[in-house]
Amino acid sequence: MNNQELTELIKKVSQEYFGKPFIHQACFNSRLKTTGGRFHLKDRHIDINPKIYQQFGMDTLVGVIKHELCHYHLYNDGLPAQHRDRSFKILLKQVGGLRFSPIRSAVKVKTYHIYECDKCHHIYQRVKKINTTKFVCGKCRGRLKYIKDIQI
């Protein structure tokens, strides 16, 4: 599917579910990592993450399109169009759009380095590695020993 076919699909979904035309452009944006799509207020075009169509199929793509069209039509009507607004939630439920993107982020996974003091056995959990020859325990000034990495 290319950008022209995507725009035609959005026009069809807009007319079918909202009864209003979509008169702007839509395109795939591969720089979107965790979001399914984005509605731009400035020029009112819609970006869609190509992973939605490639990994999850047409039904999920239509759900994301409905979500972005809720933003689009509410904004054009001068109504509140943010996720937390009641009008947005009601319209999204009426048309059956997706509330959240199905894409899970690998960015959210953090690695923590675990250190333990040799004397008092206090456990330290740090995002950055520390130099154990230079730094000591803050409680008893004992030597720190590297234990393991954990991912959360």
N, C-alpha and C. Protein backbone atom coordinates (compact mmCIF):
# COMPACT_ATOMS: atom_id res chain seq x y z
N MET A 1 0.85 -1.17 0.00
CA MET A 1 0.00 0.00 0.00
C MET A 1 0.89 1.24 0.00
N ASN A 2 0.58 2.18 -0.86
CA ASN A 2 1.35 3.42 -0.92
C ASN A 2 0.55 4.57 -0.30
N ASN A 3 1.12 5.77 -0.31
CA ASN A 3 0.49 6.91 0.34
C ASN A 3 -0.84 7.30 -0.31
N GLN A 4 -0.92 7.17 -1.64
CA GLN A 4 -2.18 7.51 -2.34
C GLN A 4 -3.29 6.54 -1.95
N GLU A 5 -2.97 5.25 -1.88
CA GLU A 5 -3.97 4.26 -1.46
C GLU A 5 -4.39 4.48 -0.02
N LEU A 6 -3.43 4.88 0.83
CA LEU A 6 -3.74 5.18 2.23
C LEU A 6 -4.70 6.36 2.33
N THR A 7 -4.45 7.41 1.56
CA THR A 7 -5.33 8.58 1.57
C THR A 7 -6.73 8.20 1.11
N GLU A 8 -6.83 7.37 0.09
CA GLU A 8 -8.14 6.94 -0.39
C GLU A 8 -8.86 6.09 0.67
N LEU A 9 -8.14 5.24 1.36
CA LEU A 9 -8.73 4.43 2.43
C LEU A 9 -9.25 5.33 3.55
N ILE A 10 -8.48 6.34 3.92
CA ILE A 10 -8.90 7.26 4.98
C ILE A 10 -10.13 8.05 4.54
N LYS A 11 -10.19 8.46 3.28
CA LYS A 11 -11.38 9.16 2.78
C LYS A 11 -12.60 8.26 2.85
N LYS A 12 -12.43 6.99 2.51
CA LYS A 12 -13.55 6.03 2.54
C LYS A 12 -14.02 5.79 3.98
N VAL A 13 -13.08 5.58 4.90
CA VAL A 13 -13.43 5.35 6.31
C VAL A 13 -14.09 6.59 6.90
N SER A 14 -13.60 7.77 6.55
CA SER A 14 -14.17 9.01 7.06
C SER A 14 -15.62 9.18 6.62
N GLN A 15 -15.88 8.93 5.36
CA GLN A 15 -17.25 9.08 4.84
C GLN A 15 -18.16 8.01 5.42
N GLU A 16 -17.67 6.79 5.56
CA GLU A 16 -18.50 5.68 6.03
C GLU A 16 -18.84 5.78 7.51
N TYR A 17 -17.87 6.09 8.36
CA TYR A 17 -18.08 6.07 9.80
C TYR A 17 -18.41 7.43 10.40
N PHE A 18 -17.95 8.51 9.79
CA PHE A 18 -18.16 9.84 10.34
C PHE A 18 -19.18 10.66 9.54
N GLY A 19 -19.41 10.27 8.29
CA GLY A 19 -20.33 11.01 7.44
C GLY A 19 -19.78 12.36 7.01
N LYS A 20 -18.47 12.53 7.10
CA LYS A 20 -17.82 13.78 6.74
C LYS A 20 -16.62 13.47 5.85
N PRO A 21 -16.29 14.38 4.94
CA PRO A 21 -15.15 14.11 4.05
C PRO A 21 -13.81 14.38 4.73
N PHE A 22 -12.81 13.65 4.31
CA PHE A 22 -11.41 13.92 4.68
C PHE A 22 -10.79 14.57 3.46
N ILE A 23 -10.41 15.86 3.58
CA ILE A 23 -9.96 16.61 2.40
C ILE A 23 -8.46 16.89 2.41
N HIS A 24 -7.74 16.33 3.35
CA HIS A 24 -6.30 16.57 3.44
C HIS A 24 -5.54 15.32 3.01
N GLN A 25 -4.24 15.31 3.22
CA GLN A 25 -3.40 14.20 2.78
C GLN A 25 -3.05 13.29 3.95
N ALA A 26 -2.72 12.05 3.62
CA ALA A 26 -2.24 11.07 4.59
C ALA A 26 -1.01 10.39 4.00
N CYS A 27 -0.09 9.99 4.88
CA CYS A 27 1.11 9.32 4.40
C CYS A 27 1.63 8.38 5.48
N PHE A 28 2.42 7.43 5.04
CA PHE A 28 3.11 6.54 5.97
C PHE A 28 4.36 7.25 6.47
N ASN A 29 4.65 7.11 7.77
CA ASN A 29 5.82 7.72 8.37
C ASN A 29 6.56 6.65 9.16
N SER A 30 7.67 6.18 8.63
CA SER A 30 8.41 5.09 9.28
C SER A 30 9.20 5.56 10.49
N ARG A 31 9.26 6.88 10.73
CA ARG A 31 9.97 7.38 11.92
C ARG A 31 9.13 7.25 13.19
N LEU A 32 7.84 6.97 13.06
CA LEU A 32 7.01 6.73 14.24
C LEU A 32 7.42 5.38 14.82
N LYS A 33 7.75 5.35 16.09
CA LYS A 33 8.25 4.11 16.70
C LYS A 33 7.18 3.41 17.53
N THR A 34 6.52 4.13 18.41
CA THR A 34 5.57 3.49 19.33
C THR A 34 4.13 3.89 19.08
N THR A 35 3.91 4.93 18.30
CA THR A 35 2.54 5.37 18.05
C THR A 35 2.02 4.77 16.75
N GLY A 36 0.73 4.62 16.68
CA GLY A 36 0.11 4.08 15.48
C GLY A 36 -0.05 5.14 14.40
N GLY A 37 -0.31 6.36 14.83
CA GLY A 37 -0.51 7.44 13.87
C GLY A 37 -0.41 8.78 14.57
N ARG A 38 -0.47 9.84 13.76
CA ARG A 38 -0.38 11.19 14.30
C ARG A 38 -1.17 12.13 13.42
N PHE A 39 -1.97 12.99 14.08
CA PHE A 39 -2.71 14.04 13.39
C PHE A 39 -1.99 15.36 13.62
N HIS A 40 -1.63 16.05 12.55
CA HIS A 40 -0.90 17.31 12.65
C HIS A 40 -1.88 18.48 12.60
N LEU A 41 -1.89 19.29 13.65
CA LEU A 41 -2.81 20.41 13.74
C LEU A 41 -2.50 21.49 12.72
N LYS A 42 -1.23 21.70 12.45
CA LYS A 42 -0.82 22.82 11.61
C LYS A 42 -1.37 22.72 10.19
N ASP A 43 -1.12 21.59 9.53
CA ASP A 43 -1.62 21.45 8.16
C ASP A 43 -2.67 20.35 8.02
N ARG A 44 -3.05 19.76 9.14
CA ARG A 44 -4.15 18.78 9.24
C ARG A 44 -3.94 17.51 8.42
N HIS A 45 -2.72 17.13 8.19
CA HIS A 45 -2.51 15.84 7.54
C HIS A 45 -2.29 14.77 8.60
N ILE A 46 -2.41 13.52 8.19
CA ILE A 46 -2.31 12.39 9.10
C ILE A 46 -1.13 11.52 8.69
N ASP A 47 -0.30 11.16 9.67
CA ASP A 47 0.79 10.20 9.47
C ASP A 47 0.37 8.88 10.09
N ILE A 48 0.68 7.79 9.40
CA ILE A 48 0.38 6.45 9.90
C ILE A 48 1.68 5.65 9.93
N ASN A 49 1.88 4.91 11.02
CA ASN A 49 3.05 4.05 11.15
C ASN A 49 2.87 2.85 10.21
N PRO A 50 3.82 2.59 9.30
CA PRO A 50 3.65 1.47 8.37
C PRO A 50 3.67 0.10 9.05
N LYS A 51 4.24 0.03 10.27
CA LYS A 51 4.26 -1.25 11.00
C LYS A 51 2.85 -1.72 11.34
N ILE A 52 1.93 -0.79 11.50
CA ILE A 52 0.55 -1.15 11.83
C ILE A 52 -0.02 -2.04 10.73
N TYR A 53 0.15 -1.64 9.48
CA TYR A 53 -0.37 -2.43 8.36
C TYR A 53 0.45 -3.70 8.14
N GLN A 54 1.77 -3.59 8.25
CA GLN A 54 2.63 -4.74 7.95
C GLN A 54 2.53 -5.84 9.00
N GLN A 55 2.47 -5.47 10.28
CA GLN A 55 2.50 -6.47 11.34
C GLN A 55 1.11 -6.89 11.82
N PHE A 56 0.13 -5.99 11.76
CA PHE A 56 -1.16 -6.27 12.39
C PHE A 56 -2.31 -6.38 11.41
N GLY A 57 -2.15 -5.95 10.16
CA GLY A 57 -3.17 -6.15 9.16
C GLY A 57 -4.13 -4.98 8.99
N MET A 58 -5.11 -5.21 8.12
CA MET A 58 -6.04 -4.16 7.71
C MET A 58 -7.00 -3.74 8.83
N ASP A 59 -7.48 -4.68 9.65
CA ASP A 59 -8.44 -4.33 10.71
C ASP A 59 -7.81 -3.37 11.72
N THR A 60 -6.59 -3.63 12.11
CA THR A 60 -5.90 -2.75 13.06
C THR A 60 -5.60 -1.41 12.41
N LEU A 61 -5.24 -1.41 11.14
CA LEU A 61 -4.99 -0.16 10.41
C LEU A 61 -6.25 0.70 10.39
N VAL A 62 -7.40 0.11 10.14
CA VAL A 62 -8.66 0.85 10.12
C VAL A 62 -8.97 1.39 11.52
N GLY A 63 -8.66 0.63 12.56
CA GLY A 63 -8.86 1.11 13.93
C GLY A 63 -8.01 2.32 14.25
N VAL A 64 -6.77 2.33 13.79
CA VAL A 64 -5.87 3.47 14.00
C VAL A 64 -6.36 4.67 13.18
N ILE A 65 -6.82 4.41 11.96
CA ILE A 65 -7.35 5.49 11.12
C ILE A 65 -8.57 6.13 11.78
N LYS A 66 -9.45 5.33 12.35
CA LYS A 66 -10.62 5.88 13.06
C LYS A 66 -10.18 6.75 14.23
N HIS A 67 -9.15 6.32 14.94
CA HIS A 67 -8.63 7.10 16.07
C HIS A 67 -8.15 8.47 15.59
N GLU A 68 -7.34 8.48 14.54
CA GLU A 68 -6.82 9.74 14.03
C GLU A 68 -7.92 10.61 13.42
N LEU A 69 -8.91 9.99 12.81
CA LEU A 69 -10.03 10.76 12.26
C LEU A 69 -10.88 11.37 13.36
N CYS A 70 -10.94 10.76 14.53
CA CYS A 70 -11.62 11.38 15.67
C CYS A 70 -10.94 12.69 16.03
N HIS A 71 -9.61 12.68 16.09
CA HIS A 71 -8.87 13.93 16.33
C HIS A 71 -9.18 14.95 15.22
N TYR A 72 -9.14 14.48 13.99
CA TYR A 72 -9.32 15.34 12.82
C TYR A 72 -10.68 16.03 12.82
N HIS A 73 -11.74 15.25 12.94
CA HIS A 73 -13.09 15.82 12.84
C HIS A 73 -13.46 16.66 14.05
N LEU A 74 -13.05 16.25 15.25
CA LEU A 74 -13.32 17.06 16.42
C LEU A 74 -12.58 18.40 16.34
N TYR A 75 -11.35 18.38 15.90
CA TYR A 75 -10.58 19.61 15.77
C TYR A 75 -11.19 20.54 14.73
N ASN A 76 -11.63 19.97 13.62
CA ASN A 76 -12.26 20.78 12.57
C ASN A 76 -13.59 21.38 13.02
N ASP A 77 -14.28 20.68 13.92
CA ASP A 77 -15.56 21.19 14.44
C ASP A 77 -15.37 22.16 15.60
N GLY A 78 -14.15 22.38 16.03
CA GLY A 78 -13.88 23.29 17.12
C GLY A 78 -14.14 22.70 18.50
N LEU A 79 -14.20 21.38 18.58
CA LEU A 79 -14.43 20.70 19.86
C LEU A 79 -13.11 20.21 20.44
N PRO A 80 -13.08 19.92 21.74
CA PRO A 80 -11.85 19.39 22.33
C PRO A 80 -11.50 18.03 21.73
N ALA A 81 -10.26 17.88 21.30
CA ALA A 81 -9.86 16.68 20.55
C ALA A 81 -8.70 15.94 21.17
N GLN A 82 -8.42 16.15 22.45
CA GLN A 82 -7.33 15.43 23.09
C GLN A 82 -7.82 14.10 23.66
N HIS A 83 -6.88 13.21 23.96
CA HIS A 83 -7.24 11.87 24.45
C HIS A 83 -8.05 11.92 25.74
N ARG A 84 -7.78 12.87 26.59
CA ARG A 84 -8.45 12.92 27.89
C ARG A 84 -9.85 13.54 27.83
N ASP A 85 -10.22 14.15 26.72
CA ASP A 85 -11.50 14.84 26.61
C ASP A 85 -12.66 13.87 26.42
N ARG A 86 -13.76 14.21 27.04
CA ARG A 86 -14.93 13.34 27.01
C ARG A 86 -15.48 13.18 25.59
N SER A 87 -15.50 14.27 24.83
CA SER A 87 -16.03 14.22 23.46
C SER A 87 -15.21 13.26 22.59
N PHE A 88 -13.89 13.24 22.81
CA PHE A 88 -13.04 12.33 22.06
C PHE A 88 -13.35 10.88 22.41
N LYS A 89 -13.46 10.60 23.70
CA LYS A 89 -13.72 9.22 24.14
C LYS A 89 -15.07 8.72 23.63
N ILE A 90 -16.08 9.59 23.67
CA ILE A 90 -17.42 9.19 23.21
C ILE A 90 -17.40 8.90 21.72
N LEU A 91 -16.82 9.79 20.92
CA LEU A 91 -16.77 9.59 19.48
C LEU A 91 -15.96 8.36 19.11
N LEU A 92 -14.85 8.14 19.81
CA LEU A 92 -14.02 6.97 19.53
C LEU A 92 -14.77 5.68 19.80
N LYS A 93 -15.56 5.66 20.86
CA LYS A 93 -16.35 4.48 21.18
C LYS A 93 -17.46 4.26 20.15
N GLN A 94 -18.07 5.35 19.66
CA GLN A 94 -19.14 5.25 18.68
C GLN A 94 -18.67 4.65 17.36
N VAL A 95 -17.48 5.04 16.92
CA VAL A 95 -16.99 4.55 15.63
C VAL A 95 -16.19 3.26 15.75
N GLY A 96 -15.80 2.89 16.98
CA GLY A 96 -15.08 1.64 17.18
C GLY A 96 -13.60 1.73 16.87
N GLY A 97 -12.99 2.86 17.14
CA GLY A 97 -11.56 3.03 16.90
C GLY A 97 -10.73 2.46 18.04
N LEU A 98 -9.44 2.32 17.78
CA LEU A 98 -8.52 1.81 18.80
C LEU A 98 -8.14 2.93 19.76
N ARG A 99 -8.13 2.63 21.04
CA ARG A 99 -7.74 3.62 22.05
C ARG A 99 -6.23 3.70 22.19
N PHE A 100 -5.53 2.56 22.07
CA PHE A 100 -4.08 2.51 22.22
C PHE A 100 -3.46 1.78 21.04
N SER A 101 -2.21 2.10 20.76
CA SER A 101 -1.49 1.46 19.68
C SER A 101 -1.05 0.06 20.11
N PRO A 102 -1.14 -0.93 19.23
CA PRO A 102 -0.70 -2.28 19.59
C PRO A 102 0.82 -2.47 19.55
N ILE A 103 1.55 -1.45 19.11
CA ILE A 103 3.00 -1.57 19.01
C ILE A 103 3.61 -1.41 20.39
N ARG A 104 4.44 -2.35 20.76
CA ARG A 104 5.16 -2.29 22.03
C ARG A 104 6.54 -1.72 21.76
N SER A 105 7.02 -0.93 22.67
CA SER A 105 8.29 -0.25 22.48
C SER A 105 9.44 -1.04 23.08
N ALA A 106 10.52 -1.13 22.33
CA ALA A 106 11.76 -1.69 22.88
C ALA A 106 12.55 -0.61 23.59
N VAL A 107 12.12 0.63 23.40
CA VAL A 107 12.81 1.77 24.02
C VAL A 107 12.57 1.78 25.52
N LYS A 108 11.43 1.28 25.98
CA LYS A 108 11.07 1.34 27.38
C LYS A 108 11.90 0.39 28.25
N VAL A 109 12.56 -0.58 27.66
CA VAL A 109 13.35 -1.53 28.42
C VAL A 109 14.65 -0.86 28.87
N LYS A 110 14.88 -0.83 30.18
CA LYS A 110 16.09 -0.23 30.72
C LYS A 110 16.94 -1.32 31.35
N THR A 111 18.23 -1.18 31.26
CA THR A 111 19.16 -2.10 31.90
C THR A 111 19.71 -1.44 33.16
N TYR A 112 19.59 -2.13 34.27
CA TYR A 112 20.12 -1.66 35.54
C TYR A 112 21.29 -2.54 35.95
N HIS A 113 22.34 -1.92 36.49
CA HIS A 113 23.52 -2.62 36.96
C HIS A 113 23.43 -2.71 38.48
N ILE A 114 23.59 -3.92 39.01
CA ILE A 114 23.45 -4.16 40.44
C ILE A 114 24.84 -4.33 41.06
N TYR A 115 25.07 -3.60 42.14
CA TYR A 115 26.32 -3.67 42.90
C TYR A 115 26.00 -3.95 44.36
N GLU A 116 26.94 -4.62 45.04
CA GLU A 116 26.77 -4.92 46.47
C GLU A 116 28.05 -4.54 47.21
N CYS A 117 27.86 -3.98 48.42
CA CYS A 117 29.00 -3.63 49.27
C CYS A 117 29.52 -4.90 49.94
N ASP A 118 30.84 -5.05 49.98
CA ASP A 118 31.46 -6.22 50.62
C ASP A 118 31.28 -6.21 52.14
N LYS A 119 31.26 -5.04 52.77
CA LYS A 119 31.19 -4.95 54.22
C LYS A 119 29.74 -5.02 54.74
N CYS A 120 28.91 -4.06 54.33
CA CYS A 120 27.56 -3.96 54.90
C CYS A 120 26.50 -4.64 54.04
N HIS A 121 26.86 -5.13 52.88
CA HIS A 121 25.98 -5.85 51.95
C HIS A 121 24.80 -5.00 51.47
N HIS A 122 25.01 -3.69 51.40
CA HIS A 122 23.98 -2.80 50.84
C HIS A 122 23.96 -2.98 49.33
N ILE A 123 22.76 -3.01 48.74
CA ILE A 123 22.59 -3.21 47.31
C ILE A 123 22.39 -1.85 46.63
N TYR A 124 23.14 -1.63 45.55
CA TYR A 124 23.00 -0.42 44.74
C TYR A 124 22.51 -0.82 43.36
N GLN A 125 21.54 -0.05 42.85
CA GLN A 125 20.98 -0.30 41.52
C GLN A 125 21.19 0.97 40.71
N ARG A 126 21.95 0.90 39.63
CA ARG A 126 22.30 2.07 38.84
C ARG A 126 21.99 1.83 37.36
N VAL A 127 21.64 2.92 36.65
CA VAL A 127 21.44 2.84 35.21
C VAL A 127 22.80 2.84 34.50
N LYS A 128 23.70 3.71 34.96
CA LYS A 128 25.04 3.76 34.38
C LYS A 128 25.99 2.87 35.17
N LYS A 129 26.95 2.30 34.47
CA LYS A 129 27.97 1.51 35.15
C LYS A 129 28.86 2.45 35.96
N ILE A 130 29.38 1.94 37.06
CA ILE A 130 30.30 2.74 37.87
C ILE A 130 31.65 2.03 37.95
N ASN A 131 32.66 2.81 38.16
CA ASN A 131 34.02 2.29 38.27
C ASN A 131 34.21 1.82 39.72
N THR A 132 34.28 0.50 39.93
CA THR A 132 34.36 -0.04 41.29
C THR A 132 35.72 0.17 41.94
N THR A 133 36.73 0.51 41.17
CA THR A 133 38.02 0.82 41.78
C THR A 133 38.06 2.26 42.29
N LYS A 134 37.19 3.11 41.77
CA LYS A 134 37.19 4.52 42.14
C LYS A 134 36.13 4.85 43.18
N PHE A 135 34.95 4.20 43.10
CA PHE A 135 33.83 4.51 43.99
C PHE A 135 33.68 3.44 45.06
N VAL A 136 33.20 3.87 46.24
CA VAL A 136 33.01 2.96 47.38
C VAL A 136 31.58 3.11 47.89
N CYS A 137 31.23 2.27 48.85
CA CYS A 137 29.91 2.30 49.46
C CYS A 137 29.70 3.63 50.18
N GLY A 138 28.54 4.22 50.04
CA GLY A 138 28.22 5.49 50.66
C GLY A 138 27.89 5.36 52.13
N LYS A 139 27.63 4.16 52.61
CA LYS A 139 27.26 3.96 54.01
C LYS A 139 28.47 3.62 54.88
N CYS A 140 29.32 2.69 54.41
CA CYS A 140 30.42 2.22 55.25
C CYS A 140 31.80 2.37 54.60
N ARG A 141 31.83 2.91 53.37
CA ARG A 141 33.08 3.09 52.62
C ARG A 141 33.75 1.77 52.24
N GLY A 142 32.95 0.70 52.17
CA GLY A 142 33.47 -0.60 51.75
C GLY A 142 33.57 -0.69 50.24
N ARG A 143 34.25 -1.72 49.76
CA ARG A 143 34.41 -1.91 48.32
C ARG A 143 33.11 -2.42 47.70
N LEU A 144 32.83 -1.96 46.47
CA LEU A 144 31.65 -2.41 45.75
C LEU A 144 32.01 -3.57 44.85
N LYS A 145 31.07 -4.52 44.74
CA LYS A 145 31.28 -5.69 43.90
C LYS A 145 30.11 -5.76 42.92
N TYR A 146 30.44 -5.92 41.64
CA TYR A 146 29.42 -6.04 40.60
C TYR A 146 28.70 -7.37 40.74
N ILE A 147 27.35 -7.34 40.70
CA ILE A 147 26.57 -8.57 40.84
C ILE A 147 26.03 -9.03 39.48
N LYS A 148 25.14 -8.21 38.88
CA LYS A 148 24.52 -8.61 37.60
C LYS A 148 23.82 -7.43 36.97
N ASP A 149 23.34 -7.63 35.73
CA ASP A 149 22.49 -6.67 35.02
C ASP A 149 21.06 -7.23 35.04
N ILE A 150 20.10 -6.33 35.18
CA ILE A 150 18.69 -6.72 35.04
C ILE A 150 18.03 -5.75 34.08
N GLN A 151 17.03 -6.25 33.36
CA GLN A 151 16.29 -5.41 32.41
C GLN A 151 14.85 -5.27 32.89
N ILE A 152 14.42 -4.04 32.98
CA ILE A 152 13.05 -3.77 33.43
C ILE A 152 12.33 -2.99 32.35
